């Protein structure tokens, strides 16, 4: 409880720091660098809380990260994972969807969201996300594996087996 209160207090300080107007351009740049450094520290601390099972503190810190950097893909990714660990799939999907919109180049956001969409049987949404990743990273083993899962769900087992085979080959090659 005490640790969570300290975490909340730190998050509040970040909010105050971010919302305080700068006096000059130089001061603004220095303040921005400090804020970015503080956000990175919050992200590291949030991941530690996540690893230790302190999900509520992780959510508070990750929300703080997104306040100071609304396009931070890692913040959205870990927030989505945290909500999944809390059993709140709806919030996880919401945060991941927002993250994909704000950080459209993040493959891991798209792939985690694609997994959730596959589980919800939203195959078209999942396919769009997987195809976006494969268009940029055609040798992404996770994307190929998810493509196989998608094809299995669409009853195209021959194509699914081929995607699984490609994913396995790439994974084996990278783990040598």
N, C-alpha and C. Protein backbone atom coordinates (compact mmCIF):
# COMPACT_ATOMS: atom_id res chain seq x y z
N UNK A 1 0.83 -1.19 0.00
CA UNK A 1 0.00 0.00 0.00
C UNK A 1 0.87 1.26 0.00
N UNK A 2 1.90 1.27 0.90
CA UNK A 2 2.78 2.42 0.98
C UNK A 2 3.50 2.64 -0.35
N UNK A 3 3.93 1.52 -0.97
CA UNK A 3 4.64 1.60 -2.24
C UNK A 3 3.73 2.17 -3.34
N UNK A 4 2.48 1.79 -3.34
CA UNK A 4 1.53 2.29 -4.33
C UNK A 4 1.29 3.78 -4.13
N UNK A 5 1.22 4.23 -2.89
CA UNK A 5 1.04 5.67 -2.63
C UNK A 5 2.24 6.46 -3.13
N UNK A 6 3.44 5.94 -2.94
CA UNK A 6 4.64 6.61 -3.43
C UNK A 6 4.59 6.68 -4.96
N UNK A 7 4.18 5.61 -5.59
CA UNK A 7 4.06 5.58 -7.04
C UNK A 7 3.07 6.62 -7.53
N UNK A 8 1.93 6.73 -6.86
CA UNK A 8 0.92 7.73 -7.21
C UNK A 8 1.46 9.14 -7.05
N UNK A 9 2.23 9.37 -5.98
CA UNK A 9 2.80 10.68 -5.73
C UNK A 9 3.78 11.05 -6.84
N UNK A 10 4.61 10.08 -7.25
CA UNK A 10 5.57 10.33 -8.32
C UNK A 10 4.84 10.65 -9.62
N UNK A 11 3.79 9.92 -9.91
CA UNK A 11 3.01 10.17 -11.12
C UNK A 11 2.40 11.57 -11.09
N UNK A 12 1.93 12.00 -9.93
CA UNK A 12 1.37 13.34 -9.78
C UNK A 12 2.44 14.39 -10.04
N UNK A 13 3.65 14.16 -9.54
CA UNK A 13 4.74 15.11 -9.80
C UNK A 13 5.03 15.23 -11.28
N UNK A 14 4.96 14.11 -12.00
CA UNK A 14 5.17 14.15 -13.44
C UNK A 14 4.11 15.02 -14.10
N UNK A 15 2.88 14.85 -13.70
CA UNK A 15 1.79 15.65 -14.28
C UNK A 15 2.03 17.13 -14.06
N UNK A 16 2.46 17.47 -12.87
CA UNK A 16 2.73 18.88 -12.55
C UNK A 16 3.88 19.39 -13.41
N UNK A 17 4.94 18.56 -13.53
CA UNK A 17 6.11 18.94 -14.31
C UNK A 17 5.75 19.14 -15.78
N UNK A 18 4.93 18.26 -16.34
CA UNK A 18 4.55 18.35 -17.75
C UNK A 18 3.64 19.54 -18.01
N UNK A 19 2.77 19.84 -17.07
CA UNK A 19 1.78 20.90 -17.32
C UNK A 19 2.29 22.30 -16.96
N UNK A 20 3.48 22.43 -16.38
CA UNK A 20 4.02 23.73 -16.03
C UNK A 20 4.61 24.38 -17.26
N UNK A 21 4.18 25.61 -17.64
CA UNK A 21 4.70 26.25 -18.84
C UNK A 21 6.16 26.67 -18.67
N UNK A 22 6.92 26.59 -19.75
CA UNK A 22 8.32 26.99 -19.73
C UNK A 22 8.44 28.49 -19.92
N UNK A 23 9.55 29.05 -19.40
CA UNK A 23 9.75 30.50 -19.46
C UNK A 23 10.41 30.90 -20.77
N UNK A 24 11.37 30.10 -21.25
CA UNK A 24 12.06 30.44 -22.49
C UNK A 24 12.21 29.19 -23.34
N UNK A 25 12.66 29.38 -24.57
CA UNK A 25 12.84 28.25 -25.49
C UNK A 25 13.92 27.30 -24.97
N UNK A 26 15.04 27.85 -24.48
CA UNK A 26 16.11 27.01 -23.93
C UNK A 26 15.63 26.24 -22.71
N UNK A 27 14.90 26.94 -21.87
CA UNK A 27 14.35 26.30 -20.68
C UNK A 27 13.38 25.20 -21.09
N UNK A 28 12.60 25.46 -22.13
CA UNK A 28 11.63 24.49 -22.62
C UNK A 28 12.32 23.23 -23.12
N UNK A 29 13.43 23.37 -23.87
CA UNK A 29 14.17 22.22 -24.36
C UNK A 29 14.76 21.41 -23.22
N UNK A 30 15.32 22.09 -22.25
CA UNK A 30 15.90 21.41 -21.09
C UNK A 30 14.82 20.70 -20.30
N UNK A 31 13.68 21.36 -20.12
CA UNK A 31 12.57 20.73 -19.41
C UNK A 31 12.06 19.51 -20.16
N UNK A 32 11.99 19.61 -21.48
CA UNK A 32 11.52 18.49 -22.29
C UNK A 32 12.46 17.29 -22.17
N UNK A 33 13.77 17.56 -22.18
CA UNK A 33 14.75 16.48 -22.02
C UNK A 33 14.60 15.81 -20.65
N UNK A 34 14.39 16.62 -19.63
CA UNK A 34 14.19 16.08 -18.28
C UNK A 34 12.92 15.24 -18.22
N UNK A 35 11.88 15.72 -18.87
CA UNK A 35 10.61 15.00 -18.89
C UNK A 35 10.76 13.66 -19.61
N UNK A 36 11.46 13.66 -20.75
CA UNK A 36 11.68 12.42 -21.49
C UNK A 36 12.49 11.44 -20.65
N UNK A 37 13.51 11.94 -19.99
CA UNK A 37 14.32 11.07 -19.13
C UNK A 37 13.47 10.50 -18.00
N UNK A 38 12.62 11.33 -17.41
CA UNK A 38 11.74 10.89 -16.34
C UNK A 38 10.73 9.85 -16.86
N UNK A 39 10.21 10.07 -18.07
CA UNK A 39 9.28 9.11 -18.68
C UNK A 39 9.95 7.76 -18.90
N UNK A 40 11.18 7.77 -19.35
CA UNK A 40 11.91 6.51 -19.55
C UNK A 40 12.08 5.77 -18.23
N UNK A 41 12.37 6.54 -17.18
CA UNK A 41 12.52 5.92 -15.86
C UNK A 41 11.18 5.35 -15.40
N UNK A 42 10.10 6.06 -15.63
CA UNK A 42 8.77 5.55 -15.27
C UNK A 42 8.46 4.26 -16.01
N UNK A 43 8.84 4.21 -17.28
CA UNK A 43 8.60 3.00 -18.07
C UNK A 43 9.38 1.82 -17.49
N UNK A 44 10.65 2.04 -17.17
CA UNK A 44 11.46 0.97 -16.57
C UNK A 44 10.87 0.51 -15.24
N UNK A 45 10.45 1.48 -14.43
CA UNK A 45 9.86 1.14 -13.13
C UNK A 45 8.54 0.40 -13.32
N UNK A 46 7.75 0.82 -14.29
CA UNK A 46 6.47 0.15 -14.56
C UNK A 46 6.69 -1.29 -14.96
N UNK A 47 7.70 -1.55 -15.78
CA UNK A 47 8.00 -2.93 -16.20
C UNK A 47 8.42 -3.77 -14.99
N UNK A 48 9.17 -3.18 -14.08
CA UNK A 48 9.54 -3.90 -12.86
C UNK A 48 8.30 -4.23 -12.03
N UNK A 49 7.39 -3.26 -11.91
CA UNK A 49 6.13 -3.52 -11.19
C UNK A 49 5.34 -4.63 -11.88
N UNK A 50 5.32 -4.58 -13.18
CA UNK A 50 4.61 -5.60 -13.97
C UNK A 50 5.22 -6.98 -13.71
N UNK A 51 6.54 -7.05 -13.75
CA UNK A 51 7.24 -8.32 -13.50
C UNK A 51 7.00 -8.84 -12.08
N UNK A 52 6.81 -7.93 -11.13
CA UNK A 52 6.58 -8.32 -9.74
C UNK A 52 5.11 -8.54 -9.41
N UNK A 53 4.24 -8.38 -10.39
CA UNK A 53 2.81 -8.62 -10.16
C UNK A 53 2.06 -7.45 -9.55
N UNK A 54 2.71 -6.29 -9.46
CA UNK A 54 2.05 -5.09 -8.92
C UNK A 54 1.44 -4.32 -10.09
N UNK A 55 0.33 -4.85 -10.60
CA UNK A 55 -0.27 -4.33 -11.83
C UNK A 55 -0.88 -2.94 -11.67
N UNK A 56 -1.45 -2.66 -10.53
CA UNK A 56 -2.07 -1.34 -10.35
C UNK A 56 -1.03 -0.23 -10.38
N UNK A 57 0.11 -0.46 -9.75
CA UNK A 57 1.18 0.55 -9.81
C UNK A 57 1.71 0.68 -11.23
N UNK A 58 1.80 -0.44 -11.93
CA UNK A 58 2.27 -0.41 -13.32
C UNK A 58 1.32 0.43 -14.18
N UNK A 59 0.02 0.27 -13.98
CA UNK A 59 -0.96 1.05 -14.75
C UNK A 59 -0.78 2.54 -14.48
N UNK A 60 -0.60 2.92 -13.22
CA UNK A 60 -0.43 4.33 -12.87
C UNK A 60 0.81 4.90 -13.56
N UNK A 61 1.91 4.18 -13.49
CA UNK A 61 3.14 4.66 -14.11
C UNK A 61 3.03 4.70 -15.63
N UNK A 62 2.41 3.70 -16.22
CA UNK A 62 2.26 3.68 -17.67
C UNK A 62 1.34 4.79 -18.16
N UNK A 63 0.29 5.07 -17.40
CA UNK A 63 -0.56 6.21 -17.73
C UNK A 63 0.24 7.51 -17.69
N UNK A 64 1.15 7.61 -16.72
CA UNK A 64 2.00 8.79 -16.61
C UNK A 64 2.94 8.90 -17.81
N UNK A 65 3.47 7.76 -18.26
CA UNK A 65 4.33 7.76 -19.44
C UNK A 65 3.56 8.30 -20.63
N UNK A 66 2.31 7.87 -20.79
CA UNK A 66 1.52 8.30 -21.95
C UNK A 66 1.05 9.74 -21.84
N UNK A 67 1.03 10.27 -20.63
CA UNK A 67 0.71 11.70 -20.48
C UNK A 67 1.86 12.54 -21.02
N UNK A 68 3.09 12.15 -20.72
CA UNK A 68 4.21 12.96 -21.18
C UNK A 68 4.65 12.60 -22.60
N UNK A 69 4.29 11.42 -23.08
CA UNK A 69 4.62 11.03 -24.45
C UNK A 69 3.47 10.19 -25.00
N UNK A 70 2.50 10.86 -25.59
CA UNK A 70 1.26 10.20 -26.02
C UNK A 70 1.46 9.26 -27.20
N UNK A 71 2.66 9.22 -27.78
CA UNK A 71 2.91 8.33 -28.92
C UNK A 71 3.90 7.23 -28.57
N UNK A 72 4.12 6.98 -27.29
CA UNK A 72 5.11 6.01 -26.85
C UNK A 72 4.58 4.59 -27.04
N UNK A 73 5.10 3.85 -28.03
CA UNK A 73 4.57 2.51 -28.30
C UNK A 73 4.79 1.54 -27.15
N UNK A 74 5.92 1.69 -26.45
CA UNK A 74 6.19 0.80 -25.32
C UNK A 74 5.17 1.01 -24.20
N UNK A 75 4.79 2.27 -23.98
CA UNK A 75 3.78 2.55 -22.96
C UNK A 75 2.46 1.86 -23.28
N UNK A 76 2.03 1.93 -24.53
CA UNK A 76 0.78 1.27 -24.92
C UNK A 76 0.90 -0.25 -24.87
N UNK A 77 2.04 -0.76 -25.30
CA UNK A 77 2.26 -2.21 -25.30
C UNK A 77 2.18 -2.77 -23.87
N UNK A 78 2.93 -2.17 -22.98
CA UNK A 78 2.94 -2.67 -21.60
C UNK A 78 1.62 -2.40 -20.89
N UNK A 79 0.95 -1.32 -21.24
CA UNK A 79 -0.37 -1.06 -20.66
C UNK A 79 -1.37 -2.12 -21.13
N UNK A 80 -1.31 -2.47 -22.41
CA UNK A 80 -2.17 -3.54 -22.93
C UNK A 80 -1.88 -4.86 -22.24
N UNK A 81 -0.59 -5.20 -22.09
CA UNK A 81 -0.23 -6.44 -21.41
C UNK A 81 -0.70 -6.43 -19.95
N UNK A 82 -0.57 -5.28 -19.29
CA UNK A 82 -0.99 -5.18 -17.89
C UNK A 82 -2.49 -5.42 -17.76
N UNK A 83 -3.27 -4.80 -18.63
CA UNK A 83 -4.72 -5.01 -18.58
C UNK A 83 -5.07 -6.47 -18.88
N UNK A 84 -4.32 -7.11 -19.75
CA UNK A 84 -4.56 -8.54 -19.99
C UNK A 84 -4.28 -9.34 -18.72
N UNK A 85 -3.21 -9.01 -18.03
CA UNK A 85 -2.89 -9.71 -16.78
C UNK A 85 -3.92 -9.44 -15.69
N UNK A 86 -4.55 -8.27 -15.76
CA UNK A 86 -5.63 -7.95 -14.82
C UNK A 86 -6.95 -8.59 -15.24
N UNK A 87 -6.98 -9.23 -16.41
CA UNK A 87 -8.18 -9.89 -16.89
C UNK A 87 -9.16 -8.96 -17.58
N UNK A 88 -8.71 -7.77 -17.96
CA UNK A 88 -9.58 -6.78 -18.59
C UNK A 88 -9.24 -6.67 -20.08
N UNK A 89 -9.77 -7.60 -20.86
CA UNK A 89 -9.47 -7.66 -22.29
C UNK A 89 -9.99 -6.43 -23.02
N UNK A 90 -11.12 -5.92 -22.58
CA UNK A 90 -11.70 -4.74 -23.23
C UNK A 90 -10.76 -3.55 -23.14
N UNK A 91 -10.23 -3.29 -21.95
CA UNK A 91 -9.28 -2.18 -21.77
C UNK A 91 -8.00 -2.45 -22.56
N UNK A 92 -7.55 -3.70 -22.57
CA UNK A 92 -6.34 -4.04 -23.31
C UNK A 92 -6.51 -3.72 -24.79
N UNK A 93 -7.63 -4.14 -25.36
CA UNK A 93 -7.90 -3.87 -26.78
C UNK A 93 -7.98 -2.36 -27.03
N UNK A 94 -8.63 -1.65 -26.12
CA UNK A 94 -8.76 -0.19 -26.28
C UNK A 94 -7.39 0.48 -26.27
N UNK A 95 -6.55 0.13 -25.32
CA UNK A 95 -5.22 0.75 -25.23
C UNK A 95 -4.35 0.36 -26.41
N UNK A 96 -4.39 -0.90 -26.81
CA UNK A 96 -3.59 -1.34 -27.96
C UNK A 96 -4.07 -0.67 -29.25
N UNK A 97 -5.38 -0.54 -29.41
CA UNK A 97 -5.93 0.13 -30.61
C UNK A 97 -5.48 1.58 -30.66
N UNK A 98 -5.53 2.26 -29.52
CA UNK A 98 -5.06 3.64 -29.46
C UNK A 98 -3.58 3.70 -29.79
N UNK A 99 -2.82 2.75 -29.24
CA UNK A 99 -1.39 2.70 -29.52
C UNK A 99 -1.09 2.51 -31.00
N UNK A 100 -1.84 1.63 -31.65
CA UNK A 100 -1.63 1.39 -33.08
C UNK A 100 -1.92 2.66 -33.87
N UNK A 101 -2.92 3.41 -33.45
CA UNK A 101 -3.26 4.67 -34.12
C UNK A 101 -2.16 5.71 -33.92
N UNK A 102 -1.67 5.82 -32.69
CA UNK A 102 -0.68 6.86 -32.38
C UNK A 102 0.75 6.46 -32.75
N UNK A 103 1.04 5.18 -32.79
CA UNK A 103 2.38 4.69 -33.15
C UNK A 103 2.22 3.61 -34.23
N UNK A 104 1.84 4.01 -35.45
CA UNK A 104 1.48 3.04 -36.48
C UNK A 104 2.63 2.17 -36.99
N UNK A 105 3.87 2.46 -36.63
CA UNK A 105 4.99 1.65 -37.09
C UNK A 105 5.34 0.53 -36.11
N UNK A 106 4.65 0.44 -34.99
CA UNK A 106 4.97 -0.56 -33.98
C UNK A 106 4.39 -1.92 -34.36
N UNK A 107 5.28 -2.84 -34.70
CA UNK A 107 4.85 -4.19 -35.07
C UNK A 107 4.31 -4.94 -33.87
N UNK A 108 4.95 -4.80 -32.72
CA UNK A 108 4.50 -5.61 -31.58
C UNK A 108 3.14 -5.17 -31.06
N UNK A 109 2.81 -3.88 -31.19
CA UNK A 109 1.45 -3.45 -30.85
C UNK A 109 0.44 -4.12 -31.77
N UNK A 110 0.74 -4.09 -33.06
CA UNK A 110 -0.17 -4.68 -34.05
C UNK A 110 -0.32 -6.18 -33.85
N UNK A 111 0.78 -6.86 -33.55
CA UNK A 111 0.71 -8.31 -33.40
C UNK A 111 -0.03 -8.73 -32.13
N UNK A 112 0.17 -8.00 -31.05
CA UNK A 112 -0.58 -8.32 -29.82
C UNK A 112 -2.07 -8.06 -30.03
N UNK A 113 -2.39 -6.95 -30.69
CA UNK A 113 -3.79 -6.65 -30.99
C UNK A 113 -4.36 -7.69 -31.97
N UNK A 114 -3.57 -8.12 -32.93
CA UNK A 114 -4.02 -9.15 -33.89
C UNK A 114 -4.35 -10.45 -33.15
N UNK A 115 -3.54 -10.83 -32.17
CA UNK A 115 -3.83 -12.03 -31.36
C UNK A 115 -5.18 -11.90 -30.66
N UNK A 116 -5.41 -10.74 -30.07
CA UNK A 116 -6.68 -10.53 -29.36
C UNK A 116 -7.86 -10.55 -30.33
N UNK A 117 -7.67 -9.98 -31.50
CA UNK A 117 -8.74 -9.98 -32.51
C UNK A 117 -8.99 -11.39 -33.03
N UNK A 118 -7.94 -12.19 -33.16
CA UNK A 118 -8.12 -13.60 -33.53
C UNK A 118 -8.94 -14.33 -32.48
N UNK A 119 -8.62 -14.08 -31.20
CA UNK A 119 -9.35 -14.72 -30.11
C UNK A 119 -10.82 -14.31 -30.08
N UNK A 120 -11.10 -13.08 -30.52
CA UNK A 120 -12.47 -12.58 -30.57
C UNK A 120 -13.17 -12.97 -31.86
N UNK A 121 -12.48 -13.73 -32.71
CA UNK A 121 -12.99 -14.15 -34.02
C UNK A 121 -13.27 -12.96 -34.95
N UNK A 122 -12.50 -11.90 -34.77
CA UNK A 122 -12.57 -10.75 -35.67
C UNK A 122 -11.44 -10.92 -36.69
N UNK A 123 -11.68 -11.84 -37.59
CA UNK A 123 -10.63 -12.28 -38.51
C UNK A 123 -10.19 -11.19 -39.48
N UNK A 124 -11.13 -10.38 -39.96
CA UNK A 124 -10.76 -9.31 -40.89
C UNK A 124 -9.83 -8.29 -40.25
N UNK A 125 -10.14 -7.91 -39.00
CA UNK A 125 -9.28 -6.95 -38.29
C UNK A 125 -7.91 -7.56 -38.03
N UNK A 126 -7.90 -8.81 -37.63
CA UNK A 126 -6.64 -9.49 -37.37
C UNK A 126 -5.81 -9.58 -38.65
N UNK A 127 -6.44 -9.95 -39.73
CA UNK A 127 -5.73 -10.08 -41.00
C UNK A 127 -5.13 -8.74 -41.43
N UNK A 128 -5.87 -7.67 -41.27
CA UNK A 128 -5.36 -6.35 -41.67
C UNK A 128 -4.09 -6.01 -40.87
N UNK A 129 -4.12 -6.27 -39.58
CA UNK A 129 -2.96 -5.97 -38.73
C UNK A 129 -1.76 -6.84 -39.10
N UNK A 130 -2.00 -8.12 -39.30
CA UNK A 130 -0.92 -9.05 -39.67
C UNK A 130 -0.33 -8.66 -41.02
N UNK A 131 -1.19 -8.35 -41.97
CA UNK A 131 -0.72 -7.98 -43.31
C UNK A 131 0.09 -6.68 -43.28
N UNK A 132 -0.28 -5.75 -42.41
CA UNK A 132 0.50 -4.51 -42.27
C UNK A 132 1.91 -4.81 -41.79
N UNK A 133 2.03 -5.72 -40.84
CA UNK A 133 3.36 -6.08 -40.34
C UNK A 133 4.15 -6.81 -41.42
N UNK A 134 3.53 -7.77 -42.08
CA UNK A 134 4.24 -8.54 -43.10
C UNK A 134 4.62 -7.69 -44.31
N UNK A 135 3.89 -6.62 -44.57
CA UNK A 135 4.24 -5.73 -45.69
C UNK A 135 5.59 -5.05 -45.42
N UNK A 136 5.88 -4.79 -44.15
CA UNK A 136 7.14 -4.13 -43.79
C UNK A 136 8.21 -5.14 -43.39
N UNK A 137 7.77 -6.20 -42.72
CA UNK A 137 8.69 -7.23 -42.21
C UNK A 137 8.22 -8.61 -42.67
N UNK A 138 8.50 -8.96 -43.92
CA UNK A 138 7.99 -10.22 -44.47
C UNK A 138 8.58 -11.47 -43.80
N UNK A 139 9.65 -11.31 -43.04
CA UNK A 139 10.28 -12.45 -42.37
C UNK A 139 10.08 -12.39 -40.86
N UNK A 140 9.00 -11.78 -40.42
CA UNK A 140 8.69 -11.74 -38.99
C UNK A 140 8.01 -13.06 -38.62
N UNK A 141 8.72 -13.87 -37.83
CA UNK A 141 8.22 -15.21 -37.49
C UNK A 141 6.89 -15.16 -36.75
N UNK A 142 6.74 -14.22 -35.84
CA UNK A 142 5.48 -14.14 -35.09
C UNK A 142 4.32 -13.79 -36.03
N UNK A 143 4.55 -12.86 -36.94
CA UNK A 143 3.49 -12.48 -37.88
C UNK A 143 3.13 -13.65 -38.79
N UNK A 144 4.12 -14.41 -39.22
CA UNK A 144 3.85 -15.58 -40.06
C UNK A 144 3.08 -16.65 -39.27
N UNK A 145 3.45 -16.84 -38.02
CA UNK A 145 2.72 -17.79 -37.17
C UNK A 145 1.26 -17.36 -37.00
N UNK A 146 1.06 -16.05 -36.73
CA UNK A 146 -0.32 -15.56 -36.59
C UNK A 146 -1.09 -15.68 -37.90
N UNK A 147 -0.39 -15.49 -39.01
CA UNK A 147 -1.04 -15.68 -40.33
C UNK A 147 -1.49 -17.14 -40.46
N UNK A 148 -0.67 -18.06 -39.97
CA UNK A 148 -1.06 -19.47 -39.97
C UNK A 148 -2.29 -19.71 -39.10
N UNK A 149 -2.32 -19.08 -37.93
CA UNK A 149 -3.49 -19.22 -37.05
C UNK A 149 -4.74 -18.66 -37.73
N UNK A 150 -4.57 -17.53 -38.40
CA UNK A 150 -5.68 -16.90 -39.11
C UNK A 150 -6.19 -17.82 -40.22
N UNK A 151 -5.29 -18.37 -40.99
CA UNK A 151 -5.68 -19.27 -42.08
C UNK A 151 -6.33 -20.54 -41.53
N UNK A 152 -5.87 -21.02 -40.38
CA UNK A 152 -6.51 -22.16 -39.74
C UNK A 152 -7.94 -21.82 -39.37
N UNK A 153 -8.14 -20.62 -38.81
CA UNK A 153 -9.49 -20.18 -38.44
C UNK A 153 -10.38 -20.03 -39.66
N UNK A 154 -9.77 -19.75 -40.81
CA UNK A 154 -10.53 -19.61 -42.06
C UNK A 154 -10.65 -20.94 -42.80
N UNK A 155 -10.20 -22.02 -42.17
CA UNK A 155 -10.28 -23.39 -42.71
C UNK A 155 -9.42 -23.58 -43.96
N UNK A 156 -8.34 -22.83 -44.08
CA UNK A 156 -7.40 -22.99 -45.19
C UNK A 156 -6.15 -23.66 -44.63
N UNK A 157 -6.26 -24.95 -44.34
CA UNK A 157 -5.19 -25.64 -43.63
C UNK A 157 -3.90 -25.79 -44.46
N UNK A 158 -4.02 -25.96 -45.75
CA UNK A 158 -2.82 -26.10 -46.58
C UNK A 158 -1.97 -24.82 -46.52
N UNK A 159 -2.61 -23.69 -46.68
CA UNK A 159 -1.89 -22.42 -46.59
C UNK A 159 -1.38 -22.16 -45.18
N UNK A 160 -2.17 -22.58 -44.19
CA UNK A 160 -1.78 -22.40 -42.79
C UNK A 160 -0.49 -23.16 -42.50
N UNK A 161 -0.42 -24.41 -42.96
CA UNK A 161 0.77 -25.23 -42.74
C UNK A 161 1.99 -24.57 -43.37
N UNK A 162 1.82 -23.99 -44.54
CA UNK A 162 2.93 -23.30 -45.21
C UNK A 162 3.41 -22.10 -44.38
N UNK A 163 2.48 -21.34 -43.81
CA UNK A 163 2.86 -20.19 -42.97
C UNK A 163 3.58 -20.65 -41.70
N UNK A 164 3.07 -21.72 -41.09
CA UNK A 164 3.73 -22.28 -39.91
C UNK A 164 5.15 -22.74 -40.24
N UNK A 165 5.29 -23.38 -41.40
CA UNK A 165 6.61 -23.86 -41.83
C UNK A 165 7.59 -22.71 -41.99
N UNK A 166 7.14 -21.64 -42.66
CA UNK A 166 7.99 -20.44 -42.84
C UNK A 166 8.37 -19.85 -41.49
N UNK A 167 7.40 -19.73 -40.60
CA UNK A 167 7.66 -19.16 -39.27
C UNK A 167 8.69 -20.00 -38.52
N UNK A 168 8.55 -21.31 -38.59
CA UNK A 168 9.47 -22.21 -37.89
C UNK A 168 10.88 -22.12 -38.47
N UNK A 169 10.99 -22.04 -39.78
CA UNK A 169 12.30 -21.91 -40.42
C UNK A 169 13.00 -20.62 -39.97
N UNK A 170 12.27 -19.54 -39.97
CA UNK A 170 12.85 -18.25 -39.56
C UNK A 170 13.24 -18.29 -38.08
N UNK A 171 12.39 -18.84 -37.26
CA UNK A 171 12.67 -18.94 -35.83
C UNK A 171 13.91 -19.80 -35.59
N UNK A 172 14.01 -20.94 -36.27
CA UNK A 172 15.18 -21.81 -36.12
C UNK A 172 16.46 -21.10 -36.56
N UNK A 173 16.37 -20.40 -37.67
CA UNK A 173 17.54 -19.69 -38.20
C UNK A 173 18.03 -18.62 -37.22
N UNK A 174 17.12 -17.93 -36.57
CA UNK A 174 17.49 -16.85 -35.65
C UNK A 174 17.94 -17.35 -34.28
N UNK A 175 17.62 -18.58 -33.95
CA UNK A 175 18.02 -19.11 -32.64
C UNK A 175 19.28 -19.95 -32.70
N UNK A 176 19.93 -20.04 -33.86
CA UNK A 176 21.18 -20.80 -33.99
C UNK A 176 22.31 -20.04 -33.36
